Amino acid sequence: MDNAGRLVIPREIRREAGLEPGVPMQVRWHEGVIEIEPQPLAVTLTRTGRLLIASPVTPVRTLTHATVEATRTSLRRRSSQPARQTKRRPVGR
């Protein structure tokens, strides 16, 4: 963390999480742990017949085949790896 309180998220984590510059983030303090995650996309819900359609409030990039395939590959890779146990320790201790 720098003197202004800014954190740098390593490139590999940003890539795996699909984070890009300008993505709004939520930061929380929970049981001694700082949690950072992308802010949920604001949507409006519209009923079309029996379906409920979620549409983004602000324009978003079109989802591409390449993005879908990269996500599927990443999820397959993760599900084939044995679960890792991580220790969560309180910040500042």
N, C-alpha and C. Protein backbone atom coordinates (compact mmCIF):
# COMPACT_ATOMS: atom_id res chain seq x y z
N MET A 1 0.86 -1.17 0.00
CA MET A 1 0.00 0.00 0.00
C MET A 1 0.90 1.23 0.00
N ASP A 2 0.52 2.23 -0.79
CA ASP A 2 1.35 3.44 -0.81
C ASP A 2 0.86 4.43 0.25
N ASN A 3 1.54 5.58 0.35
CA ASN A 3 1.19 6.58 1.37
C ASN A 3 -0.21 7.14 1.22
N ALA A 4 -0.78 7.08 0.01
CA ALA A 4 -2.13 7.58 -0.22
C ALA A 4 -3.19 6.51 0.08
N GLY A 5 -2.75 5.30 0.46
CA GLY A 5 -3.69 4.22 0.79
C GLY A 5 -4.12 3.39 -0.41
N ARG A 6 -3.45 3.54 -1.54
CA ARG A 6 -3.81 2.77 -2.74
C ARG A 6 -3.14 1.42 -2.72
N LEU A 7 -3.89 0.40 -3.18
CA LEU A 7 -3.36 -0.96 -3.28
C LEU A 7 -3.18 -1.31 -4.75
N VAL A 8 -2.17 -2.09 -5.04
CA VAL A 8 -1.97 -2.61 -6.38
C VAL A 8 -2.36 -4.08 -6.36
N ILE A 9 -3.30 -4.45 -7.22
CA ILE A 9 -3.70 -5.85 -7.34
C ILE A 9 -2.80 -6.47 -8.42
N PRO A 10 -2.08 -7.54 -8.08
CA PRO A 10 -1.16 -8.15 -9.05
C PRO A 10 -1.86 -8.52 -10.37
N ARG A 11 -1.11 -8.42 -11.46
CA ARG A 11 -1.63 -8.65 -12.81
C ARG A 11 -2.33 -10.00 -12.94
N GLU A 12 -1.72 -11.06 -12.41
CA GLU A 12 -2.30 -12.40 -12.53
C GLU A 12 -3.67 -12.47 -11.85
N ILE A 13 -3.81 -11.85 -10.70
CA ILE A 13 -5.10 -11.84 -10.00
C ILE A 13 -6.11 -11.03 -10.80
N ARG A 14 -5.69 -9.87 -11.31
CA ARG A 14 -6.61 -9.05 -12.13
C ARG A 14 -7.07 -9.83 -13.35
N ARG A 15 -6.14 -10.54 -13.99
CA ARG A 15 -6.49 -11.31 -15.18
C ARG A 15 -7.48 -12.42 -14.83
N GLU A 16 -7.17 -13.19 -13.80
CA GLU A 16 -8.05 -14.29 -13.38
C GLU A 16 -9.44 -13.79 -12.98
N ALA A 17 -9.49 -12.62 -12.34
CA ALA A 17 -10.76 -12.07 -11.88
C ALA A 17 -11.49 -11.28 -12.96
N GLY A 18 -10.83 -11.07 -14.10
CA GLY A 18 -11.46 -10.30 -15.18
C GLY A 18 -11.59 -8.82 -14.85
N LEU A 19 -10.69 -8.31 -14.02
CA LEU A 19 -10.75 -6.89 -13.63
C LEU A 19 -10.03 -6.04 -14.66
N GLU A 20 -10.64 -4.94 -15.00
CA GLU A 20 -10.05 -3.99 -15.94
C GLU A 20 -10.06 -2.61 -15.32
N PRO A 21 -9.19 -1.72 -15.81
CA PRO A 21 -9.18 -0.37 -15.26
C PRO A 21 -10.57 0.27 -15.34
N GLY A 22 -10.94 0.95 -14.28
CA GLY A 22 -12.23 1.64 -14.25
C GLY A 22 -13.37 0.82 -13.68
N VAL A 23 -13.14 -0.47 -13.39
CA VAL A 23 -14.20 -1.30 -12.82
C VAL A 23 -14.46 -0.84 -11.39
N PRO A 24 -15.69 -0.45 -11.06
CA PRO A 24 -15.98 -0.03 -9.67
C PRO A 24 -15.83 -1.22 -8.72
N MET A 25 -15.22 -0.96 -7.56
CA MET A 25 -14.99 -2.02 -6.59
C MET A 25 -15.69 -1.69 -5.27
N GLN A 26 -16.07 -2.74 -4.55
CA GLN A 26 -16.60 -2.60 -3.20
C GLN A 26 -15.53 -3.10 -2.24
N VAL A 27 -15.30 -2.35 -1.18
CA VAL A 27 -14.32 -2.73 -0.17
C VAL A 27 -15.04 -2.80 1.16
N ARG A 28 -14.86 -3.94 1.85
CA ARG A 28 -15.52 -4.15 3.15
C ARG A 28 -14.50 -4.65 4.16
N TRP A 29 -14.80 -4.40 5.42
CA TRP A 29 -14.04 -4.92 6.55
C TRP A 29 -14.97 -5.93 7.20
N HIS A 30 -14.55 -7.21 7.25
CA HIS A 30 -15.41 -8.27 7.77
C HIS A 30 -14.58 -9.21 8.64
N GLU A 31 -14.88 -9.24 9.93
CA GLU A 31 -14.20 -10.12 10.88
C GLU A 31 -12.67 -10.04 10.77
N GLY A 32 -12.15 -8.83 10.69
CA GLY A 32 -10.71 -8.62 10.65
C GLY A 32 -10.07 -8.83 9.29
N VAL A 33 -10.88 -9.02 8.26
CA VAL A 33 -10.36 -9.25 6.91
C VAL A 33 -10.91 -8.18 5.97
N ILE A 34 -10.04 -7.62 5.14
CA ILE A 34 -10.48 -6.67 4.12
C ILE A 34 -10.92 -7.48 2.90
N GLU A 35 -12.15 -7.26 2.44
CA GLU A 35 -12.68 -7.96 1.27
C GLU A 35 -12.87 -6.95 0.15
N ILE A 36 -12.37 -7.28 -1.03
CA ILE A 36 -12.47 -6.42 -2.21
C ILE A 36 -13.11 -7.23 -3.32
N GLU A 37 -14.17 -6.70 -3.92
CA GLU A 37 -14.80 -7.39 -5.04
C GLU A 37 -15.43 -6.38 -5.99
N PRO A 38 -15.59 -6.78 -7.26
CA PRO A 38 -16.23 -5.86 -8.21
C PRO A 38 -17.64 -5.53 -7.74
N GLN A 39 -18.03 -4.29 -7.94
CA GLN A 39 -19.37 -3.84 -7.58
C GLN A 39 -20.37 -4.54 -8.50
N PRO A 40 -21.47 -5.05 -7.96
CA PRO A 40 -22.46 -5.70 -8.82
C PRO A 40 -22.99 -4.74 -9.88
N LEU A 41 -23.30 -5.27 -11.04
CA LEU A 41 -23.84 -4.49 -12.14
C LEU A 41 -25.29 -4.11 -11.83
N ALA A 42 -25.60 -2.83 -11.93
CA ALA A 42 -26.97 -2.37 -11.70
C ALA A 42 -27.82 -2.76 -12.91
N VAL A 43 -28.96 -3.40 -12.64
CA VAL A 43 -29.85 -3.85 -13.71
C VAL A 43 -31.29 -3.45 -13.43
N THR A 44 -32.07 -3.41 -14.48
CA THR A 44 -33.52 -3.28 -14.33
C THR A 44 -34.12 -4.61 -14.77
N LEU A 45 -35.19 -5.01 -14.11
CA LEU A 45 -35.85 -6.27 -14.43
C LEU A 45 -37.15 -5.98 -15.18
N THR A 46 -37.33 -6.68 -16.30
CA THR A 46 -38.52 -6.52 -17.12
C THR A 46 -39.11 -7.90 -17.38
N ARG A 47 -40.41 -8.03 -17.19
CA ARG A 47 -41.07 -9.31 -17.46
C ARG A 47 -41.47 -9.35 -18.92
N THR A 48 -41.10 -10.43 -19.60
CA THR A 48 -41.49 -10.66 -20.98
C THR A 48 -42.15 -12.04 -21.02
N GLY A 49 -43.47 -12.04 -21.00
CA GLY A 49 -44.18 -13.32 -20.90
C GLY A 49 -43.88 -13.94 -19.55
N ARG A 50 -43.36 -15.17 -19.57
CA ARG A 50 -43.02 -15.87 -18.33
C ARG A 50 -41.57 -15.63 -17.91
N LEU A 51 -40.80 -14.91 -18.74
CA LEU A 51 -39.39 -14.68 -18.46
C LEU A 51 -39.17 -13.34 -17.76
N LEU A 52 -38.19 -13.30 -16.90
CA LEU A 52 -37.77 -12.07 -16.25
C LEU A 52 -36.40 -11.72 -16.84
N ILE A 53 -36.32 -10.59 -17.52
CA ILE A 53 -35.12 -10.19 -18.23
C ILE A 53 -34.39 -9.11 -17.44
N ALA A 54 -33.08 -9.33 -17.20
CA ALA A 54 -32.24 -8.33 -16.52
C ALA A 54 -31.48 -7.56 -17.59
N SER A 55 -31.62 -6.24 -17.59
CA SER A 55 -30.92 -5.38 -18.54
C SER A 55 -30.06 -4.39 -17.77
N PRO A 56 -28.81 -4.19 -18.19
CA PRO A 56 -27.94 -3.26 -17.47
C PRO A 56 -28.48 -1.84 -17.55
N VAL A 57 -28.33 -1.09 -16.45
CA VAL A 57 -28.77 0.30 -16.40
C VAL A 57 -27.86 1.17 -17.26
N THR A 58 -26.56 0.90 -17.22
CA THR A 58 -25.60 1.65 -18.04
C THR A 58 -25.03 0.71 -19.10
N PRO A 59 -24.55 1.26 -20.22
CA PRO A 59 -24.01 0.41 -21.28
C PRO A 59 -22.82 -0.43 -20.79
N VAL A 60 -22.75 -1.65 -21.25
CA VAL A 60 -21.64 -2.56 -20.93
C VAL A 60 -21.09 -3.13 -22.22
N ARG A 61 -19.85 -3.61 -22.15
CA ARG A 61 -19.25 -4.24 -23.33
C ARG A 61 -20.00 -5.51 -23.68
N THR A 62 -20.07 -5.80 -24.97
CA THR A 62 -20.70 -7.02 -25.43
C THR A 62 -19.86 -8.22 -25.02
N LEU A 63 -20.51 -9.25 -24.52
CA LEU A 63 -19.82 -10.47 -24.14
C LEU A 63 -19.39 -11.20 -25.40
N THR A 64 -18.12 -11.51 -25.51
CA THR A 64 -17.60 -12.15 -26.72
C THR A 64 -17.40 -13.65 -26.51
N HIS A 65 -17.32 -14.36 -27.60
CA HIS A 65 -17.06 -15.80 -27.55
C HIS A 65 -15.72 -16.05 -26.85
N ALA A 66 -14.73 -15.24 -27.15
CA ALA A 66 -13.40 -15.40 -26.54
C ALA A 66 -13.47 -15.27 -25.02
N THR A 67 -14.24 -14.31 -24.53
CA THR A 67 -14.38 -14.12 -23.08
C THR A 67 -15.06 -15.33 -22.44
N VAL A 68 -16.11 -15.81 -23.08
CA VAL A 68 -16.82 -16.99 -22.56
C VAL A 68 -15.89 -18.19 -22.50
N GLU A 69 -15.15 -18.43 -23.57
CA GLU A 69 -14.23 -19.58 -23.62
C GLU A 69 -13.12 -19.45 -22.58
N ALA A 70 -12.58 -18.25 -22.41
CA ALA A 70 -11.53 -18.05 -21.40
C ALA A 70 -12.08 -18.33 -20.00
N THR A 71 -13.29 -17.90 -19.74
CA THR A 71 -13.92 -18.15 -18.44
C THR A 71 -14.16 -19.63 -18.23
N ARG A 72 -14.68 -20.31 -19.25
CA ARG A 72 -14.92 -21.75 -19.14
C ARG A 72 -13.63 -22.51 -18.89
N THR A 73 -12.58 -22.16 -19.60
CA THR A 73 -11.28 -22.81 -19.43
C THR A 73 -10.75 -22.61 -18.02
N SER A 74 -10.86 -21.37 -17.53
CA SER A 74 -10.40 -21.06 -16.18
C SER A 74 -11.19 -21.86 -15.13
N LEU A 75 -12.50 -21.95 -15.30
CA LEU A 75 -13.33 -22.69 -14.35
C LEU A 75 -13.02 -24.18 -14.40
N ARG A 76 -12.80 -24.72 -15.59
CA ARG A 76 -12.44 -26.14 -15.71
C ARG A 76 -11.11 -26.41 -15.00
N ARG A 77 -10.14 -25.51 -15.21
CA ARG A 77 -8.83 -25.66 -14.59
C ARG A 77 -8.96 -25.66 -13.06
N ARG A 78 -9.76 -24.72 -12.56
CA ARG A 78 -9.94 -24.63 -11.10
C ARG A 78 -10.63 -25.86 -10.53
N SER A 79 -11.66 -26.35 -11.24
CA SER A 79 -12.42 -27.49 -10.71
C SER A 79 -11.62 -28.78 -10.76
N SER A 80 -10.61 -28.86 -11.62
CA SER A 80 -9.80 -30.07 -11.70
C SER A 80 -8.65 -30.07 -10.70
N GLN A 81 -8.39 -28.93 -10.07
CA GLN A 81 -7.33 -28.85 -9.08
C GLN A 81 -7.89 -29.17 -7.70
N PRO A 82 -7.09 -29.85 -6.86
CA PRO A 82 -7.56 -30.11 -5.50
C PRO A 82 -7.76 -28.79 -4.75
N ALA A 83 -8.76 -28.78 -3.90
CA ALA A 83 -9.05 -27.56 -3.13
C ALA A 83 -7.88 -27.21 -2.24
N ARG A 84 -7.52 -25.92 -2.25
CA ARG A 84 -6.44 -25.45 -1.39
C ARG A 84 -7.03 -24.88 -0.13
N GLN A 85 -6.41 -25.20 0.98
CA GLN A 85 -6.84 -24.58 2.22
C GLN A 85 -6.04 -23.32 2.41
N THR A 86 -6.75 -22.23 2.67
CA THR A 86 -6.07 -20.97 2.88
C THR A 86 -6.31 -20.51 4.30
N LYS A 87 -5.29 -19.94 4.86
CA LYS A 87 -5.41 -19.37 6.19
C LYS A 87 -5.81 -17.92 6.03
N ARG A 88 -6.85 -17.52 6.72
CA ARG A 88 -7.23 -16.12 6.72
C ARG A 88 -6.80 -15.55 8.05
N ARG A 89 -5.98 -14.56 7.97
CA ARG A 89 -5.52 -13.96 9.22
C ARG A 89 -5.94 -12.50 9.25
N PRO A 90 -6.27 -12.02 10.41
CA PRO A 90 -6.69 -10.64 10.55
C PRO A 90 -5.60 -9.67 10.08
N VAL A 91 -6.03 -8.60 9.48
CA VAL A 91 -5.10 -7.56 9.02
C VAL A 91 -4.55 -6.81 10.21
N GLY A 92 -3.27 -6.50 10.17
CA GLY A 92 -2.66 -5.69 11.22
C GLY A 92 -2.26 -6.45 12.46
N ARG A 93 -2.25 -7.76 12.37
CA ARG A 93 -1.85 -8.56 13.54
C ARG A 93 -0.72 -9.46 13.19
